[in-house]
PDB file of N, CA and C in Angstrom:
ATOM      1  N   MET A   1     -16.274   3.671  16.587  1.00  0.00           N
ATOM      2  CA  MET A   1     -15.558   3.324  15.910  1.00  0.00           C
ATOM      3  C   MET A   1     -15.854   2.125  15.327  1.00  0.00           C
ATOM      4  N   ASN A   2     -16.638   1.973  13.687  1.00  0.00           N
ATOM      5  CA  ASN A   2     -17.123   0.815  13.479  1.00  0.00           C
ATOM      6  C   ASN A   2     -15.743   0.270  12.833  1.00  0.00           C
ATOM      7  N   ARG A   3     -15.544  -0.407  13.472  1.00  0.00           N
ATOM      8  CA  ARG A   3     -14.255  -1.605  13.224  1.00  0.00           C
ATOM      9  C   ARG A   3     -14.531  -2.523  11.872  1.00  0.00           C
ATOM     10  N   GLU A   4     -15.601  -3.231  11.837  1.00  0.00           N
ATOM     11  CA  GLU A   4     -15.591  -3.968  11.023  1.00  0.00           C
ATOM     12  C   GLU A   4     -16.024  -3.188   8.790  1.00  0.00           C
ATOM     13  N   TRP A   5     -16.208  -1.787   9.325  1.00  0.00           N
ATOM     14  CA  TRP A   5     -16.649  -1.164   8.203  1.00  0.00           C
ATOM     15  C   TRP A   5     -15.236  -0.407   7.956  1.00  0.00           C
ATOM     16  N   MET A   6     -14.479  -0.559   8.903  1.00  0.00           N
ATOM     17  CA  MET A   6     -12.475  -0.532   8.642  1.00  0.00           C
ATOM     18  C   MET A   6     -12.304  -1.192   7.930  1.00  0.00           C
ATOM     19  N   ARG A   7     -12.362  -2.330   8.572  1.00  0.00           N
ATOM     20  CA  ARG A   7     -11.356  -3.706   7.960  1.00  0.00           C
ATOM     21  C   ARG A   7     -11.820  -3.918   6.509  1.00  0.00           C
ATOM     22  N   GLU A   8     -13.472  -3.846   5.987  1.00  0.00           N
ATOM     23  CA  GLU A   8     -13.873  -3.724   4.531  1.00  0.00           C
ATOM     24  C   GLU A   8     -13.139  -3.147   3.722  1.00  0.00           C
ATOM     25  N   LEU A   9     -12.834  -1.529   4.495  1.00  0.00           N
ATOM     26  CA  LEU A   9     -12.651  -0.683   3.398  1.00  0.00           C
ATOM     27  C   LEU A   9     -11.299  -0.909   3.007  1.00  0.00           C
ATOM     28  N   LEU A  10     -10.170  -1.048   3.871  1.00  0.00           N
ATOM     29  CA  LEU A  10      -8.979  -1.807   3.560  1.00  0.00           C
ATOM     30  C   LEU A  10      -8.611  -2.572   2.931  1.00  0.00           C
ATOM     31  N   GLU A  11      -9.649  -3.906   3.125  1.00  0.00           N
ATOM     32  CA  GLU A  11      -9.647  -4.925   2.166  1.00  0.00           C
ATOM     33  C   GLU A  11      -9.778  -4.625   0.897  1.00  0.00           C
ATOM     34  N   SER A  12     -10.948  -3.895   0.841  1.00  0.00           N
ATOM     35  CA  SER A  12     -11.104  -2.838  -0.579  1.00  0.00           C
ATOM     36  C   SER A  12     -10.226  -2.511  -1.205  1.00  0.00           C
ATOM     37  N   PHE A  13      -9.593  -1.655  -0.183  1.00  0.00           N
ATOM     38  CA  PHE A  13      -8.834  -0.827  -1.146  1.00  0.00           C
ATOM     39  C   PHE A  13      -7.337  -2.004  -1.059  1.00  0.00           C
ATOM     40  N   LYS A  14      -6.825  -2.519  -0.600  1.00  0.00           N
ATOM     41  CA  LYS A  14      -6.164  -3.902  -0.535  1.00  0.00           C
ATOM     42  C   LYS A  14      -6.070  -4.260  -1.789  1.00  0.00           C
ATOM     43  N   ALA A  15      -7.361  -4.865  -2.393  1.00  0.00           N
ATOM     44  CA  ALA A  15      -8.139  -5.606  -3.541  1.00  0.00           C
ATOM     45  C   ALA A  15      -7.494  -4.419  -4.752  1.00  0.00           C
ATOM     46  N   LEU A  16      -8.005  -3.046  -4.890  1.00  0.00           N
ATOM     47  CA  LEU A  16      -7.555  -2.500  -5.756  1.00  0.00           C
ATOM     48  C   LEU A  16      -6.402  -2.352  -6.109  1.00  0.00           C
ATOM     49  N   CYS A  17      -5.439  -2.071  -5.275  1.00  0.00           N
ATOM     50  CA  CYS A  17      -4.057  -1.978  -5.081  1.00  0.00           C
ATOM     51  C   CYS A  17      -3.495  -3.427  -6.000  1.00  0.00           C
ATOM     52  N   GLU A  18      -4.041  -4.149  -5.616  1.00  0.00           N
ATOM     53  CA  GLU A  18      -3.023  -5.887  -6.206  1.00  0.00           C
ATOM     54  C   GLU A  18      -4.230  -5.931  -8.035  1.00  0.00           C
ATOM     55  N   ALA A  19      -5.442  -5.488  -7.979  1.00  0.00           N
ATOM     56  CA  ALA A  19      -5.920  -5.461  -9.443  1.00  0.00           C
ATOM     57  C   ALA A  19      -4.705  -4.370 -10.219  1.00  0.00           C
ATOM     58  N   TYR A  20      -4.853  -3.507  -9.552  1.00  0.00           N
ATOM     59  CA  TYR A  20      -3.868  -2.504 -10.506  1.00  0.00           C
ATOM     60  C   TYR A  20      -2.345  -3.281 -10.511  1.00  0.00           C
ATOM     61  N   GLN A  21      -1.721  -3.427  -9.799  1.00  0.00           N
ATOM     62  CA  GLN A  21      -0.586  -4.146 -10.097  1.00  0.00           C
ATOM     63  C   GLN A  21      -0.663  -5.226 -11.045  1.00  0.00           C
ATOM     64  N   ASP A  22      -1.432  -5.967 -11.070  1.00  0.00           N
ATOM     65  CA  ASP A  22      -1.910  -7.050 -12.066  1.00  0.00           C
ATOM     66  C   ASP A  22      -2.419  -6.468 -13.416  1.00  0.00           C
ATOM     67  N   GLU A  23      -3.233  -5.669 -13.489  1.00  0.00           N
ATOM     68  CA  GLU A  23      -3.274  -5.397 -14.732  1.00  0.00           C
ATOM     69  C   GLU A  23      -1.941  -4.543 -15.427  1.00  0.00           C
ATOM     70  N   ASN A  24      -1.472  -3.686 -14.715  1.00  0.00           N
ATOM     71  CA  ASN A  24      -0.374  -2.792 -14.778  1.00  0.00           C
ATOM     72  C   ASN A  24       0.936  -4.005 -15.648  1.00  0.00           C
ATOM     73  N   ARG A  25       1.029  -4.905 -14.603  1.00  0.00           N
ATOM     74  CA  ARG A  25       2.191  -5.930 -15.426  1.00  0.00           C
ATOM     75  C   ARG A  25       1.603  -6.934 -16.320  1.00  0.00           C
ATOM     76  N   ARG A  26       0.538  -6.949 -17.116  1.00  0.00           N
ATOM     77  CA  ARG A  26      -0.283  -7.300 -18.359  1.00  0.00           C
ATOM     78  C   ARG A  26       0.223  -6.637 -19.563  1.00  0.00           C
ATOM     79  N   THR A  27       0.191  -4.964 -18.765  1.00  0.00           N
ATOM     80  CA  THR A  27       0.230  -4.287 -20.302  1.00  0.00           C
ATOM     81  C   THR A  27       1.062  -2.959 -20.016  1.00  0.00           C
ATOM     82  N   SER A  28       2.064  -2.584 -20.898  1.00  0.00           N
ATOM     83  CA  SER A  28       2.637  -1.128 -20.601  1.00  0.00           C
ATOM     84  C   SER A  28       1.662  -0.006 -20.847  1.00  0.00           C
ATOM     85  N   ASP A  29       1.094  -0.280 -21.320  1.00  0.00           N
ATOM     86  CA  ASP A  29       0.322   1.048 -21.564  1.00  0.00           C
ATOM     87  C   ASP A  29      -1.073   1.524 -20.474  1.00  0.00           C
ATOM     88  N   TYR A  30      -1.405   2.821 -20.122  1.00  0.00           N
ATOM     89  CA  TYR A  30      -2.650   3.228 -19.210  1.00  0.00           C
ATOM     90  C   TYR A  30      -3.546   2.706 -19.758  1.00  0.00           C
ATOM     91  N   THR A  31      -4.046   1.962 -19.917  1.00  0.00           N
ATOM     92  CA  THR A  31      -5.508   1.206 -19.821  1.00  0.00           C
ATOM     93  C   THR A  31      -6.834   1.842 -19.215  1.00  0.00           C
ATOM     94  N   ASP A  32      -7.984   1.970 -20.118  1.00  0.00           N
ATOM     95  CA  ASP A  32      -9.052   2.176 -19.553  1.00  0.00           C
ATOM     96  C   ASP A  32      -9.421   1.507 -17.997  1.00  0.00           C
ATOM     97  N   THR A  33      -8.823   0.046 -17.925  1.00  0.00           N
ATOM     98  CA  THR A  33      -8.675  -0.474 -16.771  1.00  0.00           C
ATOM     99  C   THR A  33      -7.877  -0.095 -15.906  1.00  0.00           C
ATOM    100  N   LEU A  34      -6.903   0.545 -16.222  1.00  0.00           N
ATOM    101  CA  LEU A  34      -6.389   0.924 -14.989  1.00  0.00           C
ATOM    102  C   LEU A  34      -6.457   2.290 -14.436  1.00  0.00           C
ATOM    103  N   ARG A  35      -7.457   2.947 -15.271  1.00  0.00           N
ATOM    104  CA  ARG A  35      -8.075   4.494 -15.277  1.00  0.00           C
ATOM    105  C   ARG A  35      -8.820   4.298 -14.508  1.00  0.00           C
ATOM    106  N   ALA A  36      -9.560   3.133 -14.325  1.00  0.00           N
ATOM    107  CA  ALA A  36     -10.745   2.790 -13.493  1.00  0.00           C
ATOM    108  C   ALA A  36     -10.601   2.309 -12.241  1.00  0.00           C
ATOM    109  N   ILE A  37      -9.738   1.631 -12.187  1.00  0.00           N
ATOM    110  CA  ILE A  37      -9.017   1.284 -10.756  1.00  0.00           C
ATOM    111  C   ILE A  37      -8.464   2.518 -10.054  1.00  0.00           C
ATOM    112  N   ASN A  38      -7.541   3.139 -10.787  1.00  0.00           N
ATOM    113  CA  ASN A  38      -6.732   3.998 -10.308  1.00  0.00           C
ATOM    114  C   ASN A  38      -8.148   5.459  -9.744  1.00  0.00           C
ATOM    115  N   ASP A  39      -8.884   5.031 -10.514  1.00  0.00           N
ATOM    116  CA  ASP A  39     -10.336   6.560 -10.318  1.00  0.00           C
ATOM    117  C   ASP A  39     -11.310   5.880  -8.841  1.00  0.00           C
ATOM    118  N   GLN A  40     -11.445   4.552  -8.735  1.00  0.00           N
ATOM    119  CA  GLN A  40     -11.915   4.115  -7.144  1.00  0.00           C
ATOM    120  C   GLN A  40     -10.898   4.348  -6.209  1.00  0.00           C
ATOM    121  N   MET A  41      -9.279   3.738  -6.867  1.00  0.00           N
ATOM    122  CA  MET A  41      -8.063   4.161  -5.515  1.00  0.00           C
ATOM    123  C   MET A  41      -8.484   5.194  -4.633  1.00  0.00           C
ATOM    124  N   ALA A  42      -8.634   6.607  -5.779  1.00  0.00           N
ATOM    125  CA  ALA A  42      -8.100   8.420  -5.362  1.00  0.00           C
ATOM    126  C   ALA A  42      -9.761   8.342  -4.495  1.00  0.00           C
ATOM    127  N   PHE A  43     -10.893   7.730  -5.137  1.00  0.00           N
ATOM    128  CA  PHE A  43     -12.187   7.975  -4.230  1.00  0.00           C
ATOM    129  C   PHE A  43     -11.475   7.148  -2.794  1.00  0.00           C
ATOM    130  N   GLN A  44     -11.357   6.160  -2.510  1.00  0.00           N
ATOM    131  CA  GLN A  44     -11.030   5.646  -1.399  1.00  0.00           C
ATOM    132  C   GLN A  44     -10.217   6.149  -0.299  1.00  0.00           C
ATOM    133  N   MET A  45      -8.955   7.172  -1.217  1.00  0.00           N
ATOM    134  CA  MET A  45      -7.731   7.327  -0.454  1.00  0.00           C
ATOM    135  C   MET A  45      -7.897   8.229   0.892  1.00  0.00           C
ATOM    136  N   PRO A  46      -8.607   9.041   0.518  1.00  0.00           N
ATOM    137  CA  PRO A  46      -9.163   9.672   1.724  1.00  0.00           C
ATOM    138  C   PRO A  46      -9.504   9.109   3.228  1.00  0.00           C
ATOM    139  N   THR A  47     -10.677   8.436   3.040  1.00  0.00           N
ATOM    140  CA  THR A  47     -10.892   7.904   3.760  1.00  0.00           C
ATOM    141  C   THR A  47     -10.084   6.511   4.582  1.00  0.00           C
ATOM    142  N   VAL A  48      -9.097   6.226   3.345  1.00  0.00           N
ATOM    143  CA  VAL A  48      -8.259   4.624   3.997  1.00  0.00           C
ATOM    144  C   VAL A  48      -7.054   5.760   4.810  1.00  0.00           C
ATOM    145  N   ARG A  49      -6.452   6.623   4.128  1.00  0.00           N
ATOM    146  CA  ARG A  49      -5.665   7.361   5.355  1.00  0.00           C
ATOM    147  C   ARG A  49      -5.951   7.778   6.581  1.00  0.00           C
ATOM    148  N   GLU A  50      -7.484   8.046   6.665  1.00  0.00           N
ATOM    149  CA  GLU A  50      -7.571   8.721   7.736  1.00  0.00           C
ATOM    150  C   GLU A  50      -7.455   7.231   8.865  1.00  0.00           C
ATOM    151  N   ILE A  51      -8.178   6.279   8.467  1.00  0.00           N
ATOM    152  CA  ILE A  51      -8.141   4.976   8.881  1.00  0.00           C
ATOM    153  C   ILE A  51      -7.006   4.672   9.880  1.00  0.00           C
ATOM    154  N   LEU A  52      -5.720   4.607   8.592  1.00  0.00           N
ATOM    155  CA  LEU A  52      -4.775   4.403   8.606  1.00  0.00           C
ATOM    156  C   LEU A  52      -3.565   5.103  10.070  1.00  0.00           C
ATOM    157  N   LYS A  53      -4.217   6.543  10.151  1.00  0.00           N
ATOM    158  CA  LYS A  53      -3.575   7.588  10.836  1.00  0.00           C
ATOM    159  C   LYS A  53      -4.035   7.043  11.926  1.00  0.00           C
ATOM    160  N   ARG A  54      -5.068   6.373  12.484  1.00  0.00           N
ATOM    161  CA  ARG A  54      -5.111   6.316  13.850  1.00  0.00           C
ATOM    162  C   ARG A  54      -5.033   4.910  14.013  1.00  0.00           C
ATOM    163  N   LEU A  55      -4.275   3.614  12.907  1.00  0.00           N
ATOM    164  CA  LEU A  55      -3.757   3.239  13.731  1.00  0.00           C
ATOM    165  C   LEU A  55      -1.963   2.939  13.592  1.00  0.00           C
ATOM    166  N   ASP A  56      -1.503   3.821  12.025  1.00  0.00           N
ATOM    167  CA  ASP A  56      -0.191   3.535  12.246  1.00  0.00           C
ATOM    168  C   ASP A  56       0.385   5.049  11.840  1.00  0.00           C
ATOM    169  N   ARG A  57       0.158   6.019  12.192  1.00  0.00           N
ATOM    170  CA  ARG A  57       0.555   7.476  11.513  1.00  0.00           C
ATOM    171  C   ARG A  57       1.576   7.640  10.485  1.00  0.00           C
ATOM    172  N   ALA A  58       2.707   6.915  10.387  1.00  0.00           N
ATOM    173  CA  ALA A  58       3.782   6.526   9.435  1.00  0.00           C
ATOM    174  C   ALA A  58       3.616   5.698   8.037  1.00  0.00           C
ATOM    175  N   LEU A  59       2.529   5.055   8.595  1.00  0.00           N
ATOM    176  CA  LEU A  59       2.281   3.893   7.419  1.00  0.00           C
ATOM    177  C   LEU A  59       1.233   4.937   6.682  1.00  0.00           C
ATOM    178  N   ALA A  60       0.516   5.622   7.105  1.00  0.00           N
ATOM    179  CA  ALA A  60      -0.456   6.158   6.420  1.00  0.00           C
ATOM    180  C   ALA A  60      -0.007   7.374   5.578  1.00  0.00           C
ATOM    181  N   GLN A  61       1.403   7.849   5.662  1.00  0.00           N
ATOM    182  CA  GLN A  61       1.719   8.920   5.148  1.00  0.00           C
ATOM    183  C   GLN A  61       2.778   7.986   3.558  1.00  0.00           C
ATOM    184  N   GLU A  62       2.937   6.884   4.099  1.00  0.00           N
ATOM    185  CA  GLU A  62       3.676   6.045   2.867  1.00  0.00           C
ATOM    186  C   GLU A  62       2.321   5.697   1.849  1.00  0.00           C
ATOM    187  N   VAL A  63       1.059   5.667   2.018  1.00  0.00           N
ATOM    188  CA  VAL A  63       0.372   5.261   1.194  1.00  0.00           C
ATOM    189  C   VAL A  63      -0.232   6.343   0.371  1.00  0.00           C
ATOM    190  N   LYS A  64       0.047   5.884  -0.708  1.00  0.00           N
ATOM    191  CA  LYS A  64      -0.246   7.013  -2.227  1.00  0.00           C
ATOM    192  C   LYS A  64      -0.517   5.985  -3.558  1.00  0.00           C
ATOM    193  N   GLU A  65      -0.980   6.932  -4.080  1.00  0.00           N
ATOM    194  CA  GLU A  65      -1.478   6.498  -5.525  1.00  0.00           C
ATOM    195  C   GLU A  65      -0.645   6.032  -6.257  1.00  0.00           C
ATOM    196  N   PRO A  66      -1.229   4.879  -7.005  1.00  0.00           N
ATOM    197  CA  PRO A  66      -0.033   4.707  -8.024  1.00  0.00           C
ATOM    198  C   PRO A  66       0.642   5.321  -9.122  1.00  0.00           C
TER     199      PRO A  66
END
């Protein structure tokens, strides 16, 4: 298990979540920026869930797309 890679991926996903939340606060419309962030999150989501399943199964179930 490559823990450094997993940590980097989780940190990247967290940054995407924060960017999505910040952009969503700025506008009430679904912008191209939000769409791009959402696409990146959707791409990472399966891997993030698999990592989280190994750390905490309940937490993995709570992670959903925006």
